[in-house]
Amino acid sequence: MHPDGSWARASATWIDPPMVHQGGPRRLWTALERIRHRLNAEGGLPVYGSRVQITPDGVCHFSRGKWSATYGS
């Protein structure tokens, strides 16, 4: 679940593809699949080995190569 009301659930048996149900403004399962594909294709995620700068207000700024992300408000 996400604070914006988005949700996703999936179930599968053994190695069968999962049956996915999702709703709300964001497609959470689709986002997860994008992350999993990158992990499988590259053997890791960009957050591994990234640099982080934490500002005095507690916001974390991550960067590695062309990738960057911010966590906090």
C-alpha atoms as a PDB file:
ATOM      1  CA  MET A   1       0.000   0.000   0.000  1.00  0.00           C
ATOM      2  CA  HIS A   2       1.038   3.578  -0.616  1.00  0.00           C
ATOM      3  CA  PRO A   3      -0.197   6.731   1.139  1.00  0.00           C
ATOM      4  CA  ASP A   4      -1.781   7.912  -2.141  1.00  0.00           C
ATOM      5  CA  GLY A   5      -4.182   4.941  -2.030  1.00  0.00           C
ATOM      6  CA  SER A   6      -2.306   2.735  -4.473  1.00  0.00           C
ATOM      7  CA  TRP A   7      -2.087  -0.938  -3.616  1.00  0.00           C
ATOM      8  CA  ALA A   8      -0.915  -4.213  -5.114  1.00  0.00           C
ATOM      9  CA  ARG A   9      -1.110  -7.874  -4.198  1.00  0.00           C
ATOM     10  CA  ALA A  10       0.113 -10.954  -5.972  1.00  0.00           C
ATOM     11  CA  SER A  11      -0.065 -14.683  -5.470  1.00  0.00           C
ATOM     12  CA  ALA A  12       1.553 -17.562  -7.286  1.00  0.00           C
ATOM     13  CA  THR A  13       2.132 -21.257  -6.975  1.00  0.00           C
ATOM     14  CA  TRP A  14       5.651 -22.642  -7.235  1.00  0.00           C
ATOM     15  CA  ILE A  15       7.282 -21.044 -10.313  1.00  0.00           C
ATOM     16  CA  ASP A  16       4.098 -20.002 -12.110  1.00  0.00           C
ATOM     17  CA  PRO A  17       3.801 -16.296 -12.993  1.00  0.00           C
ATOM     18  CA  PRO A  18       1.954 -14.392 -10.274  1.00  0.00           C
ATOM     19  CA  MET A  19      -1.646 -13.258 -10.541  1.00  0.00           C
ATOM     20  CA  VAL A  20      -1.409  -9.541  -9.812  1.00  0.00           C
ATOM     21  CA  HIS A  21      -4.171  -7.212  -8.654  1.00  0.00           C
ATOM     22  CA  GLN A  22      -3.472  -3.509  -8.212  1.00  0.00           C
ATOM     23  CA  GLY A  23      -5.363  -0.273  -7.958  1.00  0.00           C
ATOM     24  CA  GLY A  24      -4.989   3.427  -7.299  1.00  0.00           C
ATOM     25  CA  PRO A  25      -3.097   6.140  -9.178  1.00  0.00           C
ATOM     26  CA  ARG A  26       0.278   4.329  -9.127  1.00  0.00           C
ATOM     27  CA  ARG A  27       1.053   0.884 -10.486  1.00  0.00           C
ATOM     28  CA  LEU A  28       3.125  -0.467  -7.571  1.00  0.00           C
ATOM     29  CA  TRP A  29       3.666  -3.937  -9.038  1.00  0.00           C
ATOM     30  CA  THR A  30       4.828  -2.395 -12.308  1.00  0.00           C
ATOM     31  CA  ALA A  31       7.361  -0.289 -10.385  1.00  0.00           C
ATOM     32  CA  LEU A  32       8.566  -3.375  -8.508  1.00  0.00           C
ATOM     33  CA  GLU A  33       8.974  -5.307 -11.769  1.00  0.00           C
ATOM     34  CA  ARG A  34      11.056  -2.439 -13.232  1.00  0.00           C
ATOM     35  CA  ILE A  35      13.355  -2.569 -10.189  1.00  0.00           C
ATOM     36  CA  ARG A  36      13.604  -6.377 -10.293  1.00  0.00           C
ATOM     37  CA  HIS A  37      14.456  -6.284 -14.014  1.00  0.00           C
ATOM     38  CA  ARG A  38      17.284  -3.824 -13.382  1.00  0.00           C
ATOM     39  CA  LEU A  39      18.560  -5.940 -10.497  1.00  0.00           C
ATOM     40  CA  ASN A  40      18.565  -9.081 -12.655  1.00  0.00           C
ATOM     41  CA  ALA A  41      20.082  -7.375 -15.704  1.00  0.00           C
ATOM     42  CA  GLU A  42      22.843  -5.480 -13.890  1.00  0.00           C
ATOM     43  CA  GLY A  43      23.399  -7.665 -10.836  1.00  0.00           C
ATOM     44  CA  GLY A  44      22.690  -4.816  -8.430  1.00  0.00           C
ATOM     45  CA  LEU A  45      20.827  -1.607  -7.880  1.00  0.00           C
ATOM     46  CA  PRO A  46      22.366   1.863  -8.212  1.00  0.00           C
ATOM     47  CA  VAL A  47      21.931   2.544  -4.504  1.00  0.00           C
ATOM     48  CA  TYR A  48      24.642  -0.063  -3.820  1.00  0.00           C
ATOM     49  CA  GLY A  49      27.925   1.804  -3.762  1.00  0.00           C
ATOM     50  CA  SER A  50      26.294   5.198  -4.131  1.00  0.00           C
ATOM     51  CA  ARG A  51      27.490   8.368  -2.484  1.00  0.00           C
ATOM     52  CA  VAL A  52      25.184   9.955   0.050  1.00  0.00           C
ATOM     53  CA  GLN A  53      25.058  13.518   1.296  1.00  0.00           C
ATOM     54  CA  ILE A  54      22.883  14.229   4.328  1.00  0.00           C
ATOM     55  CA  THR A  55      21.851  17.842   4.707  1.00  0.00           C
ATOM     56  CA  PRO A  56      21.346  19.459   8.143  1.00  0.00           C
ATOM     57  CA  ASP A  57      17.575  19.022   7.803  1.00  0.00           C
ATOM     58  CA  GLY A  58      18.032  15.235   7.451  1.00  0.00           C
ATOM     59  CA  VAL A  59      17.400  14.899   3.708  1.00  0.00           C
ATOM     60  CA  CYS A  60      19.561  12.201   2.072  1.00  0.00           C
ATOM     61  CA  HIS A  61      20.845  12.781  -1.474  1.00  0.00           C
ATOM     62  CA  PHE A  62      22.134   9.622  -3.169  1.00  0.00           C
ATOM     63  CA  SER A  63      24.130   9.526  -6.419  1.00  0.00           C
ATOM     64  CA  ARG A  64      26.001   6.980  -8.497  1.00  0.00           C
ATOM     65  CA  GLY A  65      26.922   7.685 -12.106  1.00  0.00           C
ATOM     66  CA  LYS A  66      23.924   9.252 -13.872  1.00  0.00           C
ATOM     67  CA  TRP A  67      21.510   7.976 -11.205  1.00  0.00           C
ATOM     68  CA  SER A  68      20.372  10.094  -8.259  1.00  0.00           C
ATOM     69  CA  ALA A  69      17.605  10.004  -5.668  1.00  0.00           C
ATOM     70  CA  THR A  70      16.496  12.022  -2.663  1.00  0.00           C
ATOM     71  CA  TYR A  71      14.974  10.601   0.516  1.00  0.00           C
ATOM     72  CA  GLY A  72      13.336  12.751   3.161  1.00  0.00           C
ATOM     73  CA  SER A  73      11.405  15.968   3.135  1.00  0.00           C
END
